[in-house]
Amino acid sequence: MVKVRWARTEDAADVAEVHVDAWRSAYARLIDQAVLDGLDVDRRATMWASFIARSLQGLPPEGYDEPAHRLLVAEDDDRILGWAAFGPGRDDGQSHRGELAGLYAHPSVWSRGVGHALIACVDEELRAQGFADAYLWVLAGNERAIGFYERHGWIADGGEKFGDAGGATGLHELRHVRALT
């Protein structure tokens, strides 16, 4: 049975493994394969340990001047199956809205309710923080994720951006929004 809880610093390596494996599966043919092959779980674990520790203190990631986000993990039998990062909107003029900054499940458990459990908890937490609506960014062409978000009430609003993340450049992302009330 999937249980969702707040991340702890000792979860960092498992969160990193989910992150890397999910990127490699979800973004194959959408991101340069050399970038995906170069992802390193140990480097990601160090980043996630810092992120989690700072988030537990209500601080943004080190080196960033943005709102602090929190991290939930989904687990079953003490195995981390997925995670979701969220908080106040980080984009210009969006701090009044909640943001689902990332949601990933390990590819071995796709379509088994892990993402559903996480997104339901994120919606609840964002409502509890007083947000009436929220947004997220999804990589253009990631039809699996787009379908997942749309099944959970997220709607593309025409917003888009181009940028870099995780060593990949020129990423085209589409914004989806959802009322939380």
C-alpha atoms as a PDB file:
ATOM      1  CA  MET A   1       0.000   0.000   0.000  1.00  0.00           C
ATOM      2  CA  VAL A   2       1.380   3.393  -0.994  1.00  0.00           C
ATOM      3  CA  LYS A   3       1.962   5.786   1.890  1.00  0.00           C
ATOM      4  CA  VAL A   4       2.809   9.473   1.358  1.00  0.00           C
ATOM      5  CA  ARG A   5       4.903  11.309   3.936  1.00  0.00           C
ATOM      6  CA  TRP A   6       7.279  14.254   4.250  1.00  0.00           C
ATOM      7  CA  ALA A   7      10.779  13.567   2.956  1.00  0.00           C
ATOM      8  CA  ARG A   8      13.633  13.149   5.412  1.00  0.00           C
ATOM      9  CA  THR A   9      17.294  13.811   4.653  1.00  0.00           C
ATOM     10  CA  GLU A  10      18.031  10.089   4.745  1.00  0.00           C
ATOM     11  CA  ASP A  11      15.676   9.689   1.751  1.00  0.00           C
ATOM     12  CA  ALA A  12      17.988  11.695  -0.530  1.00  0.00           C
ATOM     13  CA  ALA A  13      19.671   8.740  -2.282  1.00  0.00           C
ATOM     14  CA  ASP A  14      16.345   7.035  -3.009  1.00  0.00           C
ATOM     15  CA  VAL A  15      14.796  10.306  -4.216  1.00  0.00           C
ATOM     16  CA  ALA A  16      17.809  10.767  -6.506  1.00  0.00           C
ATOM     17  CA  GLU A  17      17.458   7.252  -7.899  1.00  0.00           C
ATOM     18  CA  VAL A  18      13.780   7.851  -8.722  1.00  0.00           C
ATOM     19  CA  HIS A  19      14.723  11.216 -10.253  1.00  0.00           C
ATOM     20  CA  VAL A  20      17.421   9.815 -12.544  1.00  0.00           C
ATOM     21  CA  ASP A  21      15.504   6.678 -13.571  1.00  0.00           C
ATOM     22  CA  ALA A  22      12.318   8.648 -14.254  1.00  0.00           C
ATOM     23  CA  TRP A  23      14.182  11.233 -16.360  1.00  0.00           C
ATOM     24  CA  ARG A  24      15.865   8.509 -18.390  1.00  0.00           C
ATOM     25  CA  SER A  25      12.546   6.792 -19.103  1.00  0.00           C
ATOM     26  CA  ALA A  26      10.207   9.775 -19.440  1.00  0.00           C
ATOM     27  CA  TYR A  27      12.525  12.001 -21.445  1.00  0.00           C
ATOM     28  CA  ALA A  28      14.035   9.478 -23.867  1.00  0.00           C
ATOM     29  CA  ARG A  29      13.821  11.062 -27.331  1.00  0.00           C
ATOM     30  CA  LEU A  30      12.788  14.392 -25.731  1.00  0.00           C
ATOM     31  CA  ILE A  31      16.178  15.283 -24.230  1.00  0.00           C
ATOM     32  CA  ASP A  32      19.601  14.605 -25.733  1.00  0.00           C
ATOM     33  CA  GLN A  33      20.564  11.031 -24.828  1.00  0.00           C
ATOM     34  CA  ALA A  34      24.067  12.152 -23.780  1.00  0.00           C
ATOM     35  CA  VAL A  35      22.478  14.343 -21.089  1.00  0.00           C
ATOM     36  CA  LEU A  36      20.352  11.436 -19.831  1.00  0.00           C
ATOM     37  CA  ASP A  37      23.344   9.078 -19.865  1.00  0.00           C
ATOM     38  CA  GLY A  38      25.346  11.635 -17.880  1.00  0.00           C
ATOM     39  CA  LEU A  39      22.884  11.871 -14.992  1.00  0.00           C
ATOM     40  CA  ASP A  40      24.577  10.810 -11.779  1.00  0.00           C
ATOM     41  CA  VAL A  41      22.612   9.460  -8.819  1.00  0.00           C
ATOM     42  CA  ASP A  42      25.347  10.363  -6.301  1.00  0.00           C
ATOM     43  CA  ARG A  43      25.442  14.014  -7.434  1.00  0.00           C
ATOM     44  CA  ARG A  44      21.640  14.158  -7.364  1.00  0.00           C
ATOM     45  CA  ALA A  45      21.626  12.609  -3.884  1.00  0.00           C
ATOM     46  CA  THR A  46      23.905  15.373  -2.608  1.00  0.00           C
ATOM     47  CA  MET A  47      21.609  17.989  -4.145  1.00  0.00           C
ATOM     48  CA  TRP A  48      18.493  16.336  -2.693  1.00  0.00           C
ATOM     49  CA  ALA A  49      20.024  16.006   0.782  1.00  0.00           C
ATOM     50  CA  SER A  50      20.660  19.746   0.806  1.00  0.00           C
ATOM     51  CA  PHE A  51      17.213  20.524  -0.655  1.00  0.00           C
ATOM     52  CA  ILE A  52      15.418  18.384   1.929  1.00  0.00           C
ATOM     53  CA  ALA A  53      17.433  19.714   4.876  1.00  0.00           C
ATOM     54  CA  ARG A  54      16.814  23.316   3.843  1.00  0.00           C
ATOM     55  CA  SER A  55      13.132  22.708   3.069  1.00  0.00           C
ATOM     56  CA  LEU A  56      12.611  21.286   6.558  1.00  0.00           C
ATOM     57  CA  GLN A  57      13.917  24.623   7.858  1.00  0.00           C
ATOM     58  CA  GLY A  58      11.622  26.603   5.537  1.00  0.00           C
ATOM     59  CA  LEU A  59      14.559  27.731   3.379  1.00  0.00           C
ATOM     60  CA  PRO A  60      14.927  27.766  -0.412  1.00  0.00           C
ATOM     61  CA  PRO A  61      17.561  25.614  -2.101  1.00  0.00           C
ATOM     62  CA  GLU A  62      21.097  26.852  -1.474  1.00  0.00           C
ATOM     63  CA  GLY A  63      22.069  29.599  -3.903  1.00  0.00           C
ATOM     64  CA  TYR A  64      18.488  30.382  -4.930  1.00  0.00           C
ATOM     65  CA  ASP A  65      16.428  33.458  -4.157  1.00  0.00           C
ATOM     66  CA  GLU A  66      12.976  31.926  -4.445  1.00  0.00           C
ATOM     67  CA  PRO A  67      10.227  30.620  -2.171  1.00  0.00           C
ATOM     68  CA  ALA A  68      11.004  27.500  -0.180  1.00  0.00           C
ATOM     69  CA  HIS A  69       9.402  24.303  -1.446  1.00  0.00           C
ATOM     70  CA  ARG A  70       8.639  21.080   0.385  1.00  0.00           C
ATOM     71  CA  LEU A  71       9.093  17.471  -0.690  1.00  0.00           C
ATOM     72  CA  LEU A  72       6.692  14.565  -0.220  1.00  0.00           C
ATOM     73  CA  VAL A  73       7.689  10.973  -0.912  1.00  0.00           C
ATOM     74  CA  ALA A  74       5.527   7.965  -1.696  1.00  0.00           C
ATOM     75  CA  GLU A  75       6.708   4.665  -0.276  1.00  0.00           C
ATOM     76  CA  ASP A  76       5.657   1.062   0.013  1.00  0.00           C
ATOM     77  CA  ASP A  77       7.421  -1.361   2.328  1.00  0.00           C
ATOM     78  CA  ASP A  78       9.991   1.360   3.122  1.00  0.00           C
ATOM     79  CA  ARG A  79      10.934   1.721  -0.570  1.00  0.00           C
ATOM     80  CA  ILE A  80      10.671   5.207  -2.060  1.00  0.00           C
ATOM     81  CA  LEU A  81       8.518   4.899  -5.183  1.00  0.00           C
ATOM     82  CA  GLY A  82       8.123   8.576  -6.089  1.00  0.00           C
ATOM     83  CA  TRP A  83       8.233  12.155  -4.906  1.00  0.00           C
ATOM     84  CA  ALA A  84       6.646  15.568  -5.407  1.00  0.00           C
ATOM     85  CA  ALA A  85       8.118  19.041  -4.798  1.00  0.00           C
ATOM     86  CA  PHE A  86       5.772  22.000  -4.362  1.00  0.00           C
ATOM     87  CA  GLY A  87       5.216  25.370  -2.740  1.00  0.00           C
ATOM     88  CA  PRO A  88       4.559  28.986  -3.671  1.00  0.00           C
ATOM     89  CA  GLY A  89       4.996  29.839  -7.355  1.00  0.00           C
ATOM     90  CA  ARG A  90       8.603  30.607  -8.268  1.00  0.00           C
ATOM     91  CA  ASP A  91       7.933  32.370 -11.578  1.00  0.00           C
ATOM     92  CA  ASP A  92       7.678  36.154 -11.786  1.00  0.00           C
ATOM     93  CA  GLY A  93       4.313  37.346 -10.541  1.00  0.00           C
ATOM     94  CA  GLN A  94       3.183  33.857  -9.513  1.00  0.00           C
ATOM     95  CA  SER A  95       3.952  33.744  -5.775  1.00  0.00           C
ATOM     96  CA  HIS A  96       0.211  34.055  -5.029  1.00  0.00           C
ATOM     97  CA  ARG A  97      -0.328  30.679  -6.724  1.00  0.00           C
ATOM     98  CA  GLY A  98       0.827  27.237  -5.679  1.00  0.00           C
ATOM     99  CA  GLU A  99       3.333  25.425  -7.865  1.00  0.00           C
ATOM    100  CA  LEU A 100       3.810  21.716  -8.403  1.00  0.00           C
ATOM    101  CA  ALA A 101       7.512  21.978  -9.232  1.00  0.00           C
ATOM    102  CA  GLY A 102       8.138  18.293  -9.868  1.00  0.00           C
ATOM    103  CA  LEU A 103       6.427  14.938  -9.570  1.00  0.00           C
ATOM    104  CA  TYR A 104       8.177  11.708 -10.482  1.00  0.00           C
ATOM    105  CA  ALA A 105       7.443   8.045  -9.906  1.00  0.00           C
ATOM    106  CA  HIS A 106       9.925   5.281 -10.547  1.00  0.00           C
ATOM    107  CA  PRO A 107       9.221   3.790 -14.008  1.00  0.00           C
ATOM    108  CA  SER A 108       8.752   0.343 -12.448  1.00  0.00           C
ATOM    109  CA  VAL A 109       5.583   1.600 -10.709  1.00  0.00           C
ATOM    110  CA  TRP A 110       4.085   3.807 -13.424  1.00  0.00           C
ATOM    111  CA  SER A 111       0.293   3.476 -13.633  1.00  0.00           C
ATOM    112  CA  ARG A 112       0.069   1.887 -10.178  1.00  0.00           C
ATOM    113  CA  GLY A 113      -1.338   4.849  -8.226  1.00  0.00           C
ATOM    114  CA  VAL A 114       1.895   6.398  -6.951  1.00  0.00           C
ATOM    115  CA  GLY A 115       1.461   9.628  -8.915  1.00  0.00           C
ATOM    116  CA  HIS A 116      -2.207   9.790  -7.978  1.00  0.00           C
ATOM    117  CA  ALA A 117      -1.394   9.472  -4.265  1.00  0.00           C
ATOM    118  CA  LEU A 118       1.263  12.174  -4.520  1.00  0.00           C
ATOM    119  CA  ILE A 119      -0.810  14.657  -6.509  1.00  0.00           C
ATOM    120  CA  ALA A 120      -3.782  14.247  -4.147  1.00  0.00           C
ATOM    121  CA  CYS A 121      -1.532  15.087  -1.177  1.00  0.00           C
ATOM    122  CA  VAL A 122       0.039  18.037  -2.998  1.00  0.00           C
ATOM    123  CA  ASP A 123      -3.417  19.452  -3.785  1.00  0.00           C
ATOM    124  CA  GLU A 124      -4.377  19.094  -0.113  1.00  0.00           C
ATOM    125  CA  GLU A 125      -1.154  20.715   1.126  1.00  0.00           C
ATOM    126  CA  LEU A 126      -1.405  23.636  -1.310  1.00  0.00           C
ATOM    127  CA  ARG A 127      -5.025  24.241  -0.224  1.00  0.00           C
ATOM    128  CA  ALA A 128      -3.899  24.146   3.418  1.00  0.00           C
ATOM    129  CA  GLN A 129      -1.286  26.780   2.578  1.00  0.00           C
ATOM    130  CA  GLY A 130      -4.106  29.011   1.334  1.00  0.00           C
ATOM    131  CA  PHE A 131      -3.662  28.714  -2.425  1.00  0.00           C
ATOM    132  CA  ALA A 132      -6.845  28.845  -4.527  1.00  0.00           C
ATOM    133  CA  ASP A 133      -5.094  27.605  -7.653  1.00  0.00           C
ATOM    134  CA  ALA A 134      -1.793  26.164  -8.793  1.00  0.00           C
ATOM    135  CA  TYR A 135       0.348  25.659 -11.858  1.00  0.00           C
ATOM    136  CA  LEU A 136       3.017  23.307 -13.135  1.00  0.00           C
ATOM    137  CA  TRP A 137       5.332  23.044 -16.128  1.00  0.00           C
ATOM    138  CA  VAL A 138       5.513  19.904 -18.246  1.00  0.00           C
ATOM    139  CA  LEU A 139       7.971  19.156 -21.027  1.00  0.00           C
ATOM    140  CA  ALA A 140       6.364  19.520 -24.453  1.00  0.00           C
ATOM    141  CA  GLY A 141       6.051  16.114 -26.057  1.00  0.00           C
ATOM    142  CA  ASN A 142       5.799  14.272 -22.733  1.00  0.00           C
ATOM    143  CA  GLU A 143       2.370  12.914 -23.617  1.00  0.00           C
ATOM    144  CA  ARG A 144       2.308  10.424 -20.734  1.00  0.00           C
ATOM    145  CA  ALA A 145       2.744  13.203 -18.150  1.00  0.00           C
ATOM    146  CA  ILE A 146       0.382  15.576 -19.951  1.00  0.00           C
ATOM    147  CA  GLY A 147      -2.319  12.891 -19.968  1.00  0.00           C
ATOM    148  CA  PHE A 148      -1.718  12.168 -16.278  1.00  0.00           C
ATOM    149  CA  TYR A 149      -2.049  15.821 -15.298  1.00  0.00           C
ATOM    150  CA  GLU A 150      -5.127  16.334 -17.451  1.00  0.00           C
ATOM    151  CA  ARG A 151      -6.811  13.295 -15.862  1.00  0.00           C
ATOM    152  CA  HIS A 152      -6.205  15.017 -12.516  1.00  0.00           C
ATOM    153  CA  GLY A 153      -7.843  18.285 -13.550  1.00  0.00           C
ATOM    154  CA  TRP A 154      -4.831  20.253 -14.777  1.00  0.00           C
ATOM    155  CA  ILE A 155      -5.510  22.223 -17.964  1.00  0.00           C
ATOM    156  CA  ALA A 156      -3.018  23.742 -20.421  1.00  0.00           C
ATOM    157  CA  ASP A 157      -3.486  27.514 -20.343  1.00  0.00           C
ATOM    158  CA  GLY A 158      -1.235  28.443 -23.274  1.00  0.00           C
ATOM    159  CA  GLY A 159       1.733  29.474 -21.125  1.00  0.00           C
ATOM    160  CA  GLU A 160       5.093  28.239 -22.337  1.00  0.00           C
ATOM    161  CA  LYS A 161       8.742  28.795 -21.600  1.00  0.00           C
ATOM    162  CA  PHE A 162      12.098  27.752 -22.939  1.00  0.00           C
ATOM    163  CA  GLY A 163      15.022  27.078 -20.665  1.00  0.00           C
ATOM    164  CA  ASP A 164      17.636  24.720 -19.314  1.00  0.00           C
ATOM    165  CA  ALA A 165      17.478  22.082 -16.567  1.00  0.00           C
ATOM    166  CA  GLY A 166      19.578  19.168 -15.408  1.00  0.00           C
ATOM    167  CA  GLY A 167      22.206  19.763 -18.082  1.00  0.00           C
ATOM    168  CA  ALA A 168      19.636  19.861 -20.905  1.00  0.00           C
ATOM    169  CA  THR A 169      19.283  23.057 -22.918  1.00  0.00           C
ATOM    170  CA  GLY A 170      16.476  24.589 -24.941  1.00  0.00           C
ATOM    171  CA  LEU A 171      13.708  22.744 -23.119  1.00  0.00           C
ATOM    172  CA  HIS A 172      10.193  23.702 -24.218  1.00  0.00           C
ATOM    173  CA  GLU A 173       7.734  23.548 -21.337  1.00  0.00           C
ATOM    174  CA  LEU A 174       3.980  24.001 -21.275  1.00  0.00           C
ATOM    175  CA  ARG A 175       2.075  25.433 -18.316  1.00  0.00           C
ATOM    176  CA  HIS A 176      -0.936  23.673 -16.851  1.00  0.00           C
ATOM    177  CA  VAL A 177      -3.197  25.165 -14.166  1.00  0.00           C
ATOM    178  CA  ARG A 178      -5.746  23.829 -11.720  1.00  0.00           C
ATOM    179  CA  ALA A 179      -8.240  25.349  -9.311  1.00  0.00           C
ATOM    180  CA  LEU A 180      -7.730  23.932  -5.826  1.00  0.00           C
ATOM    181  CA  THR A 181     -11.050  25.003  -4.354  1.00  0.00           C
END
